[in-house]
């Protein structure tokens, strides 16, 4: 029989947001699942979009183990946050595999714990999620999983054509439940002793069913819309970048990312993966140079190091600017805004986004 962890790796690779194989993956999987749990995980369908679940009986029917063993394994995995869980339409508990960006590696770090298990997971995640693996997750298909939403102070709706669904205010107002967790990227770096990033940690905002999940698991706390707006405003002042699902509606994430250790902004800052291969970037910076006072604040705060001061004027590298607008927040002369770069719109809904990615991946 083929090694159970190699079989599981192949199963997980074929998720919509799957786990590309490298030699470090099996070490990660062995920490996540014991052999019986790995066999049960193989019985959980891998064709589901993120945050969709199947009922317990469907998993029992697909597994060769006794029903009691399957139920025990599902409970153990659920207790350790190794599965996504929510109630089904029938009111029963449903289960799903954690997909990349929707629980892996986030579930290990959302709570902010710095115990021995968190240290083990941080080392395993660092070994697995290297730059080539990240490129394989997000790079191969035209439709990108995530996009950057511009900082509020960079937006002049009448001039720049920013749609309501592209602004953080309406995204927050549309949510029925909101949670805030710790940034998994900065948490894992901190756990490993990297102290050069001083940005806030409890700024990872989730909505609706994803918020329900992480609140129920003790990985986050529920917050009001007012607190969510305040976290977003404070994040902009820090120079953090709003990353959201690349959809017009049903947004589940707002990560507030930095250029030090966050998997997307940091990789772009270090020029490891081309911007447009990694993320959907709908906007780009615009500057009224005649009114610029040459203070350099925008160059200092740029999270992807795309701004250089030349003869006391900012020069923007248009190939690397991500249109996040945090430079506008720091500009004392208020001469910075954003303009639309891509005319196309994001997929209409969260479901459409992942249906499109699934089709492009040929799954």
Protein backbone atom coordinates (compact mmCIF):
# COMPACT_ATOMS: atom_id res chain seq x y z
CA UNK A 1 0.00 0.00 0.00
CA UNK A 2 1.29 3.44 -0.87
CA UNK A 3 2.34 5.43 2.18
CA UNK A 4 -0.75 6.98 3.76
CA UNK A 5 0.82 10.44 3.93
CA UNK A 6 1.82 10.40 0.26
CA UNK A 7 -1.75 9.41 -0.61
CA UNK A 8 -3.08 12.21 1.58
CA UNK A 9 -0.65 14.69 0.00
CA UNK A 10 -2.03 13.82 -3.45
CA UNK A 11 -5.60 14.15 -2.15
CA UNK A 12 -4.88 17.59 -0.70
CA UNK A 13 -3.02 18.71 -3.81
CA UNK A 14 -6.28 18.41 -5.77
CA UNK A 15 -8.29 20.74 -3.55
CA UNK A 16 -9.30 23.99 -5.25
CA UNK A 17 -6.83 25.73 -2.95
CA UNK A 18 -4.57 22.73 -2.78
CA UNK A 19 -1.23 21.85 -1.22
CA UNK A 20 1.50 21.63 -3.90
CA UNK A 21 3.84 18.75 -3.16
CA UNK A 22 7.37 19.23 -1.95
CA UNK A 23 9.51 17.12 0.34
CA UNK A 24 8.48 19.09 3.43
CA UNK A 25 4.76 18.44 2.99
CA UNK A 26 4.71 14.96 4.50
CA UNK A 27 6.44 16.26 7.64
CA UNK A 28 3.68 18.86 8.00
CA UNK A 29 0.96 16.27 7.43
CA UNK A 30 2.42 13.90 10.02
CA UNK A 31 2.16 16.68 12.61
CA UNK A 32 -1.43 17.42 11.58
CA UNK A 33 -2.78 13.85 11.35
CA UNK A 34 -1.97 10.49 12.92
CA UNK A 35 -2.25 7.51 10.49
CA UNK A 36 -5.91 6.79 11.33
CA UNK A 37 -6.83 10.47 11.01
CA UNK A 38 -4.99 10.59 7.68
CA UNK A 39 -7.12 7.71 6.43
CA UNK A 40 -10.27 9.53 7.53
CA UNK A 41 -9.06 12.73 5.85
CA UNK A 42 -8.74 10.77 2.61
CA UNK A 43 -12.47 10.05 2.88
CA UNK A 44 -13.38 13.75 3.05
CA UNK A 45 -14.17 14.98 -0.50
CA UNK A 46 -11.54 17.22 -2.10
CA UNK A 47 -13.77 18.77 -4.78
CA UNK A 48 -15.55 21.16 -2.42
CA UNK A 49 -14.91 24.91 -2.55
CA UNK A 50 -13.53 26.52 0.62
CA UNK A 51 -16.00 26.70 3.53
CA UNK A 52 -18.35 24.05 2.11
CA UNK A 53 -18.86 20.90 4.20
CA UNK A 54 -20.19 17.36 4.00
CA UNK A 55 -22.06 15.51 6.71
CA UNK A 56 -20.51 12.88 8.94
CA UNK A 57 -22.35 9.95 7.34
CA UNK A 58 -20.96 10.79 3.90
CA UNK A 59 -17.43 10.49 5.32
CA UNK A 60 -18.24 7.25 7.13
CA UNK A 61 -19.60 5.77 3.89
CA UNK A 62 -16.40 6.69 2.00
CA UNK A 63 -14.02 5.24 4.60
CA UNK A 64 -12.97 1.61 5.16
CA UNK A 65 -12.60 2.07 8.91
CA UNK A 66 -15.31 1.17 11.44
CA UNK A 67 -17.85 3.92 11.94
CA UNK A 68 -16.78 4.43 15.57
CA UNK A 69 -13.17 4.99 14.49
CA UNK A 70 -14.20 7.53 11.84
CA UNK A 71 -16.36 9.46 14.32
CA UNK A 72 -13.59 9.42 16.93
CA UNK A 73 -11.05 10.71 14.38
CA UNK A 74 -13.36 13.46 13.15
CA UNK A 75 -13.92 14.59 16.73
CA UNK A 76 -10.20 14.59 17.49
CA UNK A 77 -9.37 16.54 14.33
CA UNK A 78 -12.14 19.01 15.03
CA UNK A 79 -10.99 19.51 18.63
CA UNK A 80 -7.47 20.34 17.36
CA UNK A 81 -8.80 22.66 14.60
CA UNK A 82 -7.45 20.41 11.85
CA UNK A 83 -10.77 20.47 9.97
CA UNK A 84 -13.17 23.22 9.02
CA UNK A 85 -16.55 22.58 10.63
CA UNK A 86 -19.98 24.12 10.43
CA UNK A 87 -23.56 22.89 10.54
CA UNK A 88 -25.10 21.52 7.37
CA UNK A 89 -28.42 22.63 5.90
CA UNK A 90 -30.00 19.73 7.78
CA UNK A 91 -28.62 21.02 11.07
CA UNK A 92 -25.98 18.31 11.54
CA UNK A 93 -22.27 18.89 12.00
CA UNK A 94 -20.40 19.08 8.70
CA UNK A 95 -16.70 18.72 7.99
CA UNK A 96 -14.24 19.86 5.33
CA UNK A 97 -10.52 19.72 4.73
CA UNK A 98 -8.60 22.88 5.48
CA UNK A 99 -7.61 24.56 2.22
CA UNK A 100 -4.58 26.78 1.66
CA UNK A 101 -5.51 30.32 2.67
CA UNK A 102 -8.66 29.06 4.40
CA UNK A 103 -7.21 27.42 7.50
CA UNK A 104 -3.76 26.25 6.43
CA UNK A 105 -1.47 27.51 7.79
CA UNK A 106 -3.62 30.13 9.55
CA UNK A 107 -5.33 27.87 12.08
CA UNK A 108 -1.98 27.21 13.78
CA UNK A 109 -1.44 30.91 14.57
CA UNK A 110 -4.78 32.79 14.63
CA UNK A 111 -5.13 32.46 18.41
CA UNK A 112 -1.82 34.17 19.16
CA UNK A 113 -0.50 31.25 21.22
CA UNK A 114 3.29 30.88 21.46
CA UNK A 115 3.48 27.42 22.99
CA UNK A 116 5.65 24.48 21.94
CA UNK A 117 3.13 23.21 19.41
CA UNK A 118 3.01 26.65 17.76
CA UNK A 119 6.81 26.61 17.50
CA UNK A 120 6.78 23.18 15.88
CA UNK A 121 4.13 24.26 13.40
CA UNK A 122 5.95 27.51 12.62
CA UNK A 123 9.09 25.59 11.68
CA UNK A 124 7.16 23.07 9.58
CA UNK A 125 5.17 25.81 7.82
CA UNK A 126 8.35 27.77 7.06
CA UNK A 127 9.92 24.67 5.52
CA UNK A 128 6.86 23.87 3.43
CA UNK A 129 5.57 27.26 2.28
CA UNK A 130 8.69 28.40 0.47
CA UNK A 131 8.56 30.80 -2.48
CA UNK A 132 8.22 28.09 -5.20
CA UNK A 133 5.37 26.44 -3.28
CA UNK A 134 3.59 29.77 -2.83
CA UNK A 135 3.97 30.44 -6.54
CA UNK A 136 2.41 27.07 -7.34
CA UNK A 137 -0.56 27.84 -5.07
CA UNK A 138 -1.37 31.28 -6.45
CA UNK A 139 0.48 31.66 -9.74
CA UNK A 140 -0.68 29.12 -12.34
CA UNK A 141 -4.23 30.33 -13.11
CA UNK A 142 -5.41 33.72 -14.43
CA UNK A 143 -7.98 34.28 -11.66
CA UNK A 144 -6.25 35.26 -8.45
CA UNK A 145 -7.62 34.22 -5.08
CA UNK A 146 -7.04 37.56 -3.41
CA UNK A 147 -6.89 41.25 -4.28
CA UNK A 148 -5.82 44.44 -2.54
CA UNK A 149 -8.53 46.83 -1.37
CA UNK A 150 -7.38 50.46 -1.27
CA UNK A 151 -6.97 52.44 1.92
CA UNK A 152 -10.02 54.62 2.51
CA UNK A 153 -8.12 57.91 2.46
CA UNK A 154 -6.73 57.19 -1.01
CA UNK A 155 -10.16 57.04 -2.61
CA UNK A 156 -11.92 59.80 -4.48
CA UNK A 157 -14.87 57.83 -5.81
CA UNK A 158 -16.01 60.46 -8.31
CA UNK A 159 -12.58 60.70 -9.94
CA UNK A 160 -11.10 57.26 -9.51
CA UNK A 161 -14.09 55.02 -10.23
CA UNK A 162 -13.66 52.78 -7.20
CA UNK A 163 -16.76 50.60 -6.89
CA UNK A 164 -18.50 50.21 -3.51
CA UNK A 165 -17.65 46.49 -3.49
CA UNK A 166 -13.97 47.46 -3.71
CA UNK A 167 -14.05 49.59 -0.56
CA UNK A 168 -13.55 48.37 2.98
CA UNK A 169 -16.50 50.28 4.45
CA UNK A 170 -19.21 48.43 2.48
CA UNK A 171 -17.41 45.10 2.99
CA UNK A 172 -17.61 45.51 6.77
CA UNK A 173 -21.20 46.77 6.66
CA UNK A 174 -22.31 43.74 4.63
CA UNK A 175 -21.08 41.26 7.23
CA UNK A 176 -23.44 39.53 9.64
CA UNK A 177 -20.67 38.48 12.03
CA UNK A 178 -17.10 39.75 12.37
CA UNK A 179 -14.09 38.28 14.16
CA UNK A 180 -10.54 39.47 14.68
CA UNK A 181 -7.63 37.07 15.01
CA UNK A 182 -3.85 37.38 15.04
CA UNK A 183 -1.96 37.77 11.78
CA UNK A 184 -0.62 34.26 11.08
CA UNK A 185 2.35 35.54 9.08
CA UNK A 186 3.64 37.92 11.73
CA UNK A 187 2.75 35.49 14.54
CA UNK A 188 4.78 32.66 13.01
CA UNK A 189 7.73 35.03 12.46
CA UNK A 190 7.50 36.21 16.06
CA UNK A 191 7.34 32.63 17.34
CA UNK A 192 10.57 31.91 15.45
CA UNK A 193 12.29 34.87 17.10
CA UNK A 194 12.13 37.38 14.27
CA UNK A 195 11.68 40.73 15.96
CA UNK A 196 12.31 43.31 13.23
CA UNK A 197 8.58 43.72 12.44
CA UNK A 198 6.76 45.98 14.91
CA UNK A 199 3.35 46.01 13.26
CA UNK A 200 0.19 45.11 15.16
CA UNK A 201 -0.71 41.44 15.42
CA UNK A 202 -4.44 41.25 16.23
CA UNK A 203 -5.64 42.67 12.91
CA UNK A 204 -6.77 39.62 10.88
CA UNK A 205 -10.50 40.19 10.25
CA UNK A 206 -12.92 37.46 9.17
CA UNK A 207 -16.59 37.60 8.24
CA UNK A 208 -19.74 35.48 8.42
CA UNK A 209 -19.21 31.69 8.38
CA UNK A 210 -15.43 31.97 8.63
CA UNK A 211 -15.89 34.30 11.61
CA UNK A 212 -18.33 31.80 13.15
CA UNK A 213 -15.75 29.02 12.80
CA UNK A 214 -12.77 30.79 14.37
CA UNK A 215 -14.87 32.28 17.18
CA UNK A 216 -16.35 28.86 18.02
CA UNK A 217 -12.86 27.33 18.10
CA UNK A 218 -11.43 29.98 20.39
CA UNK A 219 -9.09 31.22 17.67
CA UNK A 220 -10.51 34.75 17.55
CA UNK A 221 -12.88 37.12 19.30
CA UNK A 222 -16.10 38.60 17.99
CA UNK A 223 -16.01 42.35 17.33
CA UNK A 224 -18.50 45.03 16.33
CA UNK A 225 -18.54 46.80 12.99
CA UNK A 226 -17.28 49.93 14.74
CA UNK A 227 -14.24 48.08 16.08
CA UNK A 228 -13.60 46.55 12.66
CA UNK A 229 -13.62 50.01 11.08
CA UNK A 230 -11.20 51.24 13.76
CA UNK A 231 -8.81 48.33 13.21
CA UNK A 232 -8.82 49.05 9.48
CA UNK A 233 -8.15 52.75 9.99
CA UNK A 234 -5.32 52.06 12.45
CA UNK A 235 -3.86 49.48 10.07
CA UNK A 236 -3.76 52.03 7.26
CA UNK A 237 -1.87 54.47 9.47
CA UNK A 238 0.66 51.71 10.22
CA UNK A 239 1.16 51.10 6.52
CA UNK A 240 -0.61 47.74 6.51
CA UNK A 241 -2.31 46.62 3.30
CA UNK A 242 -5.91 45.37 3.07
CA UNK A 243 -5.99 41.97 1.34
CA UNK A 244 -9.46 40.55 0.61
CA UNK A 245 -11.03 37.76 -1.41
CA UNK A 246 -11.00 38.56 -5.13
CA UNK A 247 -14.78 38.79 -5.33
CA UNK A 248 -17.38 41.55 -5.54
CA UNK A 249 -19.43 40.10 -2.69
CA UNK A 250 -19.45 37.49 0.08
CA UNK A 251 -15.99 38.52 1.27
CA UNK A 252 -14.66 36.24 4.02
CA UNK A 253 -11.21 37.75 4.73
CA UNK A 254 -9.56 41.04 5.36
CA UNK A 255 -5.93 40.45 6.16
CA UNK A 256 -3.88 43.53 7.02
CA UNK A 257 -0.50 42.68 5.58
CA UNK A 258 3.01 44.08 5.98
CA UNK A 259 6.14 43.98 3.85
CA UNK A 260 8.21 42.13 6.42
CA UNK A 261 6.75 38.64 6.72
CA UNK A 262 3.30 38.50 5.15
CA UNK A 263 3.21 35.85 2.42
CA UNK A 264 1.99 38.22 -0.30
CA UNK A 265 3.22 41.76 0.40
CA UNK A 266 6.56 40.51 1.73
CA UNK A 267 7.17 38.34 -1.33
CA UNK A 268 6.38 41.26 -3.64
CA UNK A 269 8.61 43.61 -1.62
CA UNK A 270 11.50 41.16 -1.98
CA UNK A 271 10.72 40.76 -5.72
CA UNK A 272 10.45 36.98 -5.40
CA UNK A 273 7.25 36.54 -7.45
CA UNK A 274 5.93 39.06 -10.00
CA UNK A 275 3.07 41.10 -8.55
CA UNK A 276 0.50 40.10 -11.17
CA UNK A 277 1.32 36.40 -10.85
CA UNK A 278 0.58 36.49 -7.15
CA UNK A 279 -2.32 38.91 -6.65
CA UNK A 280 -5.12 40.76 -8.42
CA UNK A 281 -4.07 44.43 -8.49
CA UNK A 282 -6.89 46.62 -9.77
CA UNK A 283 -5.44 50.03 -8.85
CA UNK A 284 -2.20 51.97 -9.01
CA UNK A 285 -0.89 55.16 -7.46
CA UNK A 286 -1.37 58.59 -8.96
CA UNK A 287 0.57 61.67 -7.76
CA UNK A 288 0.07 65.39 -8.32
CA UNK A 289 3.81 66.04 -8.61
CA UNK A 290 3.42 69.81 -8.99
CA UNK A 291 1.92 69.96 -5.49
CA UNK A 292 4.33 67.44 -3.90
CA UNK A 293 6.49 68.90 -1.10
CA UNK A 294 9.16 66.19 -1.41
CA UNK A 295 8.99 65.01 2.20
CA UNK A 296 9.57 61.33 1.36
CA UNK A 297 6.87 60.03 3.70
CA UNK A 298 5.36 57.93 0.91
CA UNK A 299 8.70 56.28 0.15
CA UNK A 300 9.22 55.49 3.82
CA UNK A 301 5.83 53.81 4.28
CA UNK A 302 5.50 51.96 0.93
CA UNK A 303 5.05 48.31 1.93
CA UNK A 304 6.51 46.95 -1.32
CA UNK A 305 9.37 49.45 -1.67
CA UNK A 306 7.99 50.73 -4.99
CA UNK A 307 8.67 54.43 -4.33
CA UNK A 308 12.08 56.14 -4.55
CA UNK A 309 12.85 59.80 -4.00
CA UNK A 310 14.72 61.29 -6.97
CA UNK A 311 15.63 64.97 -6.78
CA UNK A 312 13.12 65.38 -3.94
CA UNK A 313 10.25 63.94 -5.97
CA UNK A 314 8.74 60.44 -5.71
CA UNK A 315 9.24 58.02 -8.58
CA UNK A 316 6.84 55.06 -8.54
CA UNK A 317 7.80 51.72 -10.04
CA UNK A 318 4.60 50.95 -11.93
CA UNK A 319 5.56 47.29 -12.29
CA UNK A 320 5.55 46.73 -8.53
CA UNK A 321 3.09 49.28 -7.07
CA UNK A 322 0.11 47.37 -5.65
CA UNK A 323 -2.33 50.30 -5.48
CA UNK A 324 -2.92 49.82 -1.76
CA UNK A 325 -3.09 53.56 -1.09
CA UNK A 326 -1.30 53.54 2.29
CA UNK A 327 1.08 56.16 0.90
CA UNK A 328 -1.89 58.52 0.59
CA UNK A 329 -2.63 58.08 4.29
CA UNK A 330 0.86 59.31 5.19
CA UNK A 331 1.02 62.20 2.67
CA UNK A 332 0.85 65.57 4.50
CA UNK A 333 0.25 67.45 1.25
CA UNK A 334 -2.64 65.15 0.23
CA UNK A 335 -1.36 64.84 -3.35
CA UNK A 336 -1.63 61.04 -3.66
CA UNK A 337 -4.65 59.05 -4.80
CA UNK A 338 -5.21 55.84 -6.72
CA UNK A 339 -6.54 55.24 -10.20
CA UNK A 340 -8.00 52.17 -11.81
CA UNK A 341 -5.42 49.98 -13.47
CA UNK A 342 -7.54 47.04 -14.63
CA UNK A 343 -10.95 47.64 -16.19
CA UNK A 344 -12.23 44.14 -15.52
CA UNK A 345 -14.16 43.37 -12.35
CA UNK A 346 -13.56 40.62 -9.83
CA UNK A 347 -15.81 37.52 -9.92
CA UNK A 348 -19.26 38.36 -8.62
CA UNK A 349 -19.28 36.21 -5.49
CA UNK A 350 -17.06 34.03 -3.30
CA UNK A 351 -18.66 30.96 -4.87
CA UNK A 352 -18.06 32.28 -8.41
CA UNK A 353 -14.42 33.02 -7.55
CA UNK A 354 -13.67 29.46 -6.55
CA UNK A 355 -15.79 27.96 -9.30
CA UNK A 356 -13.66 29.93 -11.77
CA UNK A 357 -10.37 28.88 -10.16
CA UNK A 358 -11.51 25.24 -10.12
CA UNK A 359 -12.32 25.39 -13.82
CA UNK A 360 -8.99 27.04 -14.68
CA UNK A 361 -7.12 24.38 -12.70
CA UNK A 362 -8.93 21.63 -14.59
CA UNK A 363 -10.27 19.97 -11.44
